Amino acid sequence: MPGQSIRLASGKNPMKSQRGFAVIDLLFVCAIIGILAGMALPRLMTARNSAQSASAVASIRTIGTGQLTFAITCGHGFYAPSLSSLATAPAGSARGFIDNDLGSADVVTKSGYTIQVAGTAFAGAPDPCNAIGAGKTSEGFAAVADPLDPNNTRFFGTNASGAIWEDIATFNGTMPEAGEPPSGNPLR
């Protein structure tokens, strides 16, 4: 008859199949995913911090190269006192000594790091070719990169000496404008 189902002697319906997961199966799969995620997360964080640190070193290297180029070609032997002055293009040029993403302000946040440059103005310095003003350039500079993540303990800095330094504490305020800082190790 239509509408009636066929039943076997066991009382089960042969047309009805058992598809899907039981609740215990779903709990088991969720537990395995949780365990794998717990194992992968620390490695993911380490990889992220390493990538951010590599970007910070590249930014510090770019600043050092830009400062050297500025001093030789534009600053009459003096250095730019800030990121924004280093990014200011000289007369007749469309580009500064560093890109605008790094020189858009005096303190820049890039790839998980706060980056800044400081230089003590030298009163007798002539006006450089990018017209930031006489007496504003410096005899040296200190560039530092501090991580935003408190779990990342890699701090970087450089100065007019050209070496890039790494430490577990900030170089902000301790990096001299030339010479070795009081702590840290040079990167090779």
C-alpha atoms as a PDB file:
ATOM      1  CA  MET A   1       0.000   0.000   0.000  1.00  0.00           C
ATOM      2  CA  PRO A   2       1.096   3.506  -0.655  1.00  0.00           C
ATOM      3  CA  GLY A   3       2.271   5.463   2.361  1.00  0.00           C
ATOM      4  CA  GLN A   4       3.305   2.356   4.277  1.00  0.00           C
ATOM      5  CA  SER A   5       6.905   1.392   4.661  1.00  0.00           C
ATOM      6  CA  ILE A   6       8.309  -2.052   4.401  1.00  0.00           C
ATOM      7  CA  ARG A   7       9.630  -3.471   7.619  1.00  0.00           C
ATOM      8  CA  LEU A   8      12.002  -6.340   8.064  1.00  0.00           C
ATOM      9  CA  ALA A   9      11.598  -9.029  10.657  1.00  0.00           C
ATOM     10  CA  SER A  10      13.951  -7.076  12.890  1.00  0.00           C
ATOM     11  CA  GLY A  11      11.563  -4.121  12.821  1.00  0.00           C
ATOM     12  CA  LYS A  12      13.995  -1.796  11.003  1.00  0.00           C
ATOM     13  CA  ASN A  13      13.108   0.129   7.892  1.00  0.00           C
ATOM     14  CA  PRO A  14      15.526  -0.802   5.064  1.00  0.00           C
ATOM     15  CA  MET A  15      14.792   2.472   3.181  1.00  0.00           C
ATOM     16  CA  LYS A  16      15.947   4.642   6.063  1.00  0.00           C
ATOM     17  CA  SER A  17      19.738   5.052   6.252  1.00  0.00           C
ATOM     18  CA  GLN A  18      21.744   6.376   9.151  1.00  0.00           C
ATOM     19  CA  ARG A  19      23.688   9.382   7.875  1.00  0.00           C
ATOM     20  CA  GLY A  20      25.507  12.166   9.710  1.00  0.00           C
ATOM     21  CA  PHE A  21      27.505  12.391  12.883  1.00  0.00           C
ATOM     22  CA  ALA A  22      26.597  11.589  16.417  1.00  0.00           C
ATOM     23  CA  VAL A  23      27.224  14.239  19.050  1.00  0.00           C
ATOM     24  CA  ILE A  24      30.178  12.284  20.402  1.00  0.00           C
ATOM     25  CA  ASP A  25      31.753  12.268  16.917  1.00  0.00           C
ATOM     26  CA  LEU A  26      31.455  16.064  16.713  1.00  0.00           C
ATOM     27  CA  LEU A  27      32.951  16.496  20.190  1.00  0.00           C
ATOM     28  CA  PHE A  28      35.864  14.258  19.254  1.00  0.00           C
ATOM     29  CA  VAL A  29      36.591  16.245  16.067  1.00  0.00           C
ATOM     30  CA  CYS A  30      36.350  19.558  17.963  1.00  0.00           C
ATOM     31  CA  ALA A  31      38.781  18.263  20.601  1.00  0.00           C
ATOM     32  CA  ILE A  32      41.318  17.245  17.949  1.00  0.00           C
ATOM     33  CA  ILE A  33      41.041  20.636  16.228  1.00  0.00           C
ATOM     34  CA  GLY A  34      41.497  22.368  19.589  1.00  0.00           C
ATOM     35  CA  ILE A  35      44.626  20.341  20.380  1.00  0.00           C
ATOM     36  CA  LEU A  36      46.143  21.065  16.950  1.00  0.00           C
ATOM     37  CA  ALA A  37      45.339  24.767  17.240  1.00  0.00           C
ATOM     38  CA  GLY A  38      46.907  24.855  20.714  1.00  0.00           C
ATOM     39  CA  MET A  39      50.102  23.357  19.328  1.00  0.00           C
ATOM     40  CA  ALA A  40      50.201  25.631  16.260  1.00  0.00           C
ATOM     41  CA  LEU A  41      49.381  28.974  17.904  1.00  0.00           C
ATOM     42  CA  PRO A  42      52.724  29.517  19.717  1.00  0.00           C
ATOM     43  CA  ARG A  43      54.618  28.752  16.521  1.00  0.00           C
ATOM     44  CA  LEU A  44      52.375  31.109  14.592  1.00  0.00           C
ATOM     45  CA  MET A  45      53.057  33.898  17.101  1.00  0.00           C
ATOM     46  CA  THR A  46      56.801  33.246  16.891  1.00  0.00           C
ATOM     47  CA  ALA A  47      56.669  33.383  13.100  1.00  0.00           C
ATOM     48  CA  ARG A  48      54.672  36.634  13.214  1.00  0.00           C
ATOM     49  CA  ASN A  49      57.171  38.242  15.621  1.00  0.00           C
ATOM     50  CA  SER A  50      60.071  37.111  13.422  1.00  0.00           C
ATOM     51  CA  ALA A  51      58.445  38.637  10.342  1.00  0.00           C
ATOM     52  CA  GLN A  52      57.782  41.905  12.179  1.00  0.00           C
ATOM     53  CA  SER A  53      61.370  41.994  13.439  1.00  0.00           C
ATOM     54  CA  ALA A  54      62.721  41.416   9.927  1.00  0.00           C
ATOM     55  CA  SER A  55      60.591  44.305   8.679  1.00  0.00           C
ATOM     56  CA  ALA A  56      61.872  46.551  11.488  1.00  0.00           C
ATOM     57  CA  VAL A  57      65.494  45.708  10.652  1.00  0.00           C
ATOM     58  CA  ALA A  58      64.812  46.528   6.995  1.00  0.00           C
ATOM     59  CA  SER A  59      63.257  49.862   8.019  1.00  0.00           C
ATOM     60  CA  ILE A  60      66.225  50.705  10.266  1.00  0.00           C
ATOM     61  CA  ARG A  61      68.603  49.772   7.437  1.00  0.00           C
ATOM     62  CA  THR A  62      66.630  51.993   5.027  1.00  0.00           C
ATOM     63  CA  ILE A  63      66.848  54.905   7.482  1.00  0.00           C
ATOM     64  CA  GLY A  64      70.612  54.417   7.863  1.00  0.00           C
ATOM     65  CA  THR A  65      71.110  54.373   4.093  1.00  0.00           C
ATOM     66  CA  GLY A  66      68.834  57.391   3.650  1.00  0.00           C
ATOM     67  CA  GLN A  67      70.708  59.320   6.336  1.00  0.00           C
ATOM     68  CA  LEU A  68      74.079  58.555   4.731  1.00  0.00           C
ATOM     69  CA  THR A  69      72.797  59.630   1.310  1.00  0.00           C
ATOM     70  CA  PHE A  70      71.296  62.793   2.840  1.00  0.00           C
ATOM     71  CA  ALA A  71      74.568  63.707   4.603  1.00  0.00           C
ATOM     72  CA  ILE A  72      76.707  63.130   1.513  1.00  0.00           C
ATOM     73  CA  THR A  73      74.505  64.674  -1.174  1.00  0.00           C
ATOM     74  CA  CYS A  74      72.270  67.208   0.537  1.00  0.00           C
ATOM     75  CA  GLY A  75      73.102  67.908   4.166  1.00  0.00           C
ATOM     76  CA  HIS A  76      76.680  69.212   3.774  1.00  0.00           C
ATOM     77  CA  GLY A  77      77.882  66.417   6.081  1.00  0.00           C
ATOM     78  CA  PHE A  78      75.000  66.778   8.535  1.00  0.00           C
ATOM     79  CA  TYR A  79      72.093  64.383   9.146  1.00  0.00           C
ATOM     80  CA  ALA A  80      68.327  64.871   9.022  1.00  0.00           C
ATOM     81  CA  PRO A  81      66.886  65.327  12.532  1.00  0.00           C
ATOM     82  CA  SER A  82      63.624  63.384  11.947  1.00  0.00           C
ATOM     83  CA  LEU A  83      61.859  60.923   9.669  1.00  0.00           C
ATOM     84  CA  SER A  84      59.708  63.622   8.056  1.00  0.00           C
ATOM     85  CA  SER A  85      62.741  65.810   7.243  1.00  0.00           C
ATOM     86  CA  LEU A  86      64.501  62.763   5.789  1.00  0.00           C
ATOM     87  CA  ALA A  87      61.465  62.133   3.551  1.00  0.00           C
ATOM     88  CA  THR A  88      61.343  65.760   2.350  1.00  0.00           C
ATOM     89  CA  ALA A  89      62.365  65.841  -1.297  1.00  0.00           C
ATOM     90  CA  PRO A  90      65.190  68.149  -2.391  1.00  0.00           C
ATOM     91  CA  ALA A  91      64.496  70.940  -4.871  1.00  0.00           C
ATOM     92  CA  GLY A  92      63.955  69.549  -8.365  1.00  0.00           C
ATOM     93  CA  SER A  93      63.184  66.026  -7.159  1.00  0.00           C
ATOM     94  CA  ALA A  94      59.914  64.220  -6.464  1.00  0.00           C
ATOM     95  CA  ARG A  95      61.372  61.741  -3.955  1.00  0.00           C
ATOM     96  CA  GLY A  96      62.928  62.168  -0.560  1.00  0.00           C
ATOM     97  CA  PHE A  97      65.706  60.084   0.943  1.00  0.00           C
ATOM     98  CA  ILE A  98      63.237  57.537   2.354  1.00  0.00           C
ATOM     99  CA  ASP A  99      59.772  56.540   1.124  1.00  0.00           C
ATOM    100  CA  ASN A 100      56.679  58.336   2.368  1.00  0.00           C
ATOM    101  CA  ASP A 101      55.365  55.253   4.218  1.00  0.00           C
ATOM    102  CA  LEU A 102      58.367  55.504   6.522  1.00  0.00           C
ATOM    103  CA  GLY A 103      58.660  59.302   6.522  1.00  0.00           C
ATOM    104  CA  SER A 104      54.986  60.304   6.745  1.00  0.00           C
ATOM    105  CA  ALA A 105      55.444  61.513  10.358  1.00  0.00           C
ATOM    106  CA  ASP A 106      58.193  61.837  12.947  1.00  0.00           C
ATOM    107  CA  VAL A 107      56.954  58.696  14.743  1.00  0.00           C
ATOM    108  CA  VAL A 108      55.705  55.923  12.440  1.00  0.00           C
ATOM    109  CA  THR A 109      54.014  52.617  13.211  1.00  0.00           C
ATOM    110  CA  LYS A 110      54.964  49.984  10.655  1.00  0.00           C
ATOM    111  CA  SER A 111      54.650  46.190  10.785  1.00  0.00           C
ATOM    112  CA  GLY A 112      54.125  46.018  14.536  1.00  0.00           C
ATOM    113  CA  TYR A 113      56.927  48.449  15.440  1.00  0.00           C
ATOM    114  CA  THR A 114      57.088  52.124  16.383  1.00  0.00           C
ATOM    115  CA  ILE A 115      59.962  53.734  14.483  1.00  0.00           C
ATOM    116  CA  GLN A 116      61.487  57.153  15.111  1.00  0.00           C
ATOM    117  CA  VAL A 117      64.613  59.209  14.463  1.00  0.00           C
ATOM    118  CA  ALA A 118      66.125  61.909  16.631  1.00  0.00           C
ATOM    119  CA  GLY A 119      69.032  64.254  16.065  1.00  0.00           C
ATOM    120  CA  THR A 120      70.322  67.214  18.085  1.00  0.00           C
ATOM    121  CA  ALA A 121      70.185  70.361  15.968  1.00  0.00           C
ATOM    122  CA  PHE A 122      73.561  71.960  15.291  1.00  0.00           C
ATOM    123  CA  ALA A 123      73.291  75.754  15.283  1.00  0.00           C
ATOM    124  CA  GLY A 124      76.012  76.244  12.673  1.00  0.00           C
ATOM    125  CA  ALA A 125      74.623  73.741  10.150  1.00  0.00           C
ATOM    126  CA  PRO A 126      73.803  75.219   6.738  1.00  0.00           C
ATOM    127  CA  ASP A 127      70.384  74.851   5.103  1.00  0.00           C
ATOM    128  CA  PRO A 128      70.344  71.493   3.267  1.00  0.00           C
ATOM    129  CA  CYS A 129      69.177  71.060  -0.322  1.00  0.00           C
ATOM    130  CA  ASN A 130      65.661  70.029   0.810  1.00  0.00           C
ATOM    131  CA  ALA A 131      65.219  73.382   2.592  1.00  0.00           C
ATOM    132  CA  ILE A 132      64.351  72.126   6.084  1.00  0.00           C
ATOM    133  CA  GLY A 133      66.192  75.140   7.478  1.00  0.00           C
ATOM    134  CA  ALA A 134      69.624  76.305   8.566  1.00  0.00           C
ATOM    135  CA  GLY A 135      70.694  75.106  11.987  1.00  0.00           C
ATOM    136  CA  LYS A 136      68.195  72.235  12.010  1.00  0.00           C
ATOM    137  CA  THR A 137      70.337  69.330  10.816  1.00  0.00           C
ATOM    138  CA  SER A 138      72.496  67.374  13.256  1.00  0.00           C
ATOM    139  CA  GLU A 139      76.007  65.994  13.514  1.00  0.00           C
ATOM    140  CA  GLY A 140      74.602  62.506  14.202  1.00  0.00           C
ATOM    141  CA  PHE A 141      71.295  60.716  14.578  1.00  0.00           C
ATOM    142  CA  ALA A 142      69.677  57.894  16.535  1.00  0.00           C
ATOM    143  CA  ALA A 143      66.992  55.713  14.947  1.00  0.00           C
ATOM    144  CA  VAL A 144      65.037  53.231  17.068  1.00  0.00           C
ATOM    145  CA  ALA A 145      62.372  50.591  16.438  1.00  0.00           C
ATOM    146  CA  ASP A 146      60.299  49.401  19.419  1.00  0.00           C
ATOM    147  CA  PRO A 147      57.797  46.504  19.149  1.00  0.00           C
ATOM    148  CA  LEU A 148      54.134  47.144  19.930  1.00  0.00           C
ATOM    149  CA  ASP A 149      53.569  43.548  21.118  1.00  0.00           C
ATOM    150  CA  PRO A 150      54.762  43.148  24.735  1.00  0.00           C
ATOM    151  CA  ASN A 151      55.649  39.507  23.992  1.00  0.00           C
ATOM    152  CA  ASN A 152      58.130  40.585  21.314  1.00  0.00           C
ATOM    153  CA  THR A 153      61.386  41.455  23.072  1.00  0.00           C
ATOM    154  CA  ARG A 154      63.475  42.449  20.050  1.00  0.00           C
ATOM    155  CA  PHE A 155      64.330  46.168  20.009  1.00  0.00           C
ATOM    156  CA  PHE A 156      66.503  47.682  17.268  1.00  0.00           C
ATOM    157  CA  GLY A 157      68.498  50.854  16.790  1.00  0.00           C
ATOM    158  CA  THR A 158      71.154  52.480  14.642  1.00  0.00           C
ATOM    159  CA  ASN A 159      73.052  55.750  14.524  1.00  0.00           C
ATOM    160  CA  ALA A 160      75.616  57.641  12.462  1.00  0.00           C
ATOM    161  CA  SER A 161      78.132  54.819  13.031  1.00  0.00           C
ATOM    162  CA  GLY A 162      76.093  52.622  10.667  1.00  0.00           C
ATOM    163  CA  ALA A 163      75.784  49.433  12.741  1.00  0.00           C
ATOM    164  CA  ILE A 164      72.355  48.041  13.597  1.00  0.00           C
ATOM    165  CA  TRP A 165      71.982  47.042  17.234  1.00  0.00           C
ATOM    166  CA  GLU A 166      69.549  44.672  18.943  1.00  0.00           C
ATOM    167  CA  ASP A 167      68.589  44.533  22.615  1.00  0.00           C
ATOM    168  CA  ILE A 168      65.833  43.223  24.884  1.00  0.00           C
ATOM    169  CA  ALA A 169      65.007  46.779  26.021  1.00  0.00           C
ATOM    170  CA  THR A 170      64.365  49.983  24.113  1.00  0.00           C
ATOM    171  CA  PHE A 171      67.179  52.092  22.698  1.00  0.00           C
ATOM    172  CA  ASN A 172      64.941  55.159  22.906  1.00  0.00           C
ATOM    173  CA  GLY A 173      66.848  57.681  24.989  1.00  0.00           C
ATOM    174  CA  THR A 174      69.962  55.492  25.318  1.00  0.00           C
ATOM    175  CA  MET A 175      71.143  55.214  21.692  1.00  0.00           C
ATOM    176  CA  PRO A 176      73.879  57.811  21.176  1.00  0.00           C
ATOM    177  CA  GLU A 177      73.921  59.764  17.898  1.00  0.00           C
ATOM    178  CA  ALA A 178      77.266  58.110  17.090  1.00  0.00           C
ATOM    179  CA  GLY A 179      79.196  55.237  18.632  1.00  0.00           C
ATOM    180  CA  GLU A 180      78.148  52.173  20.593  1.00  0.00           C
ATOM    181  CA  PRO A 181      75.054  52.136  22.808  1.00  0.00           C
ATOM    182  CA  PRO A 182      75.457  51.184  26.490  1.00  0.00           C
ATOM    183  CA  SER A 183      73.784  47.794  25.913  1.00  0.00           C
ATOM    184  CA  GLY A 184      72.822  45.451  23.108  1.00  0.00           C
ATOM    185  CA  ASN A 185      74.565  43.489  20.411  1.00  0.00           C
ATOM    186  CA  PRO A 186      75.328  44.444  16.814  1.00  0.00           C
ATOM    187  CA  LEU A 187      73.536  42.454  14.124  1.00  0.00           C
ATOM    188  CA  ARG A 188      75.823  40.700  11.709  1.00  0.00           C
END
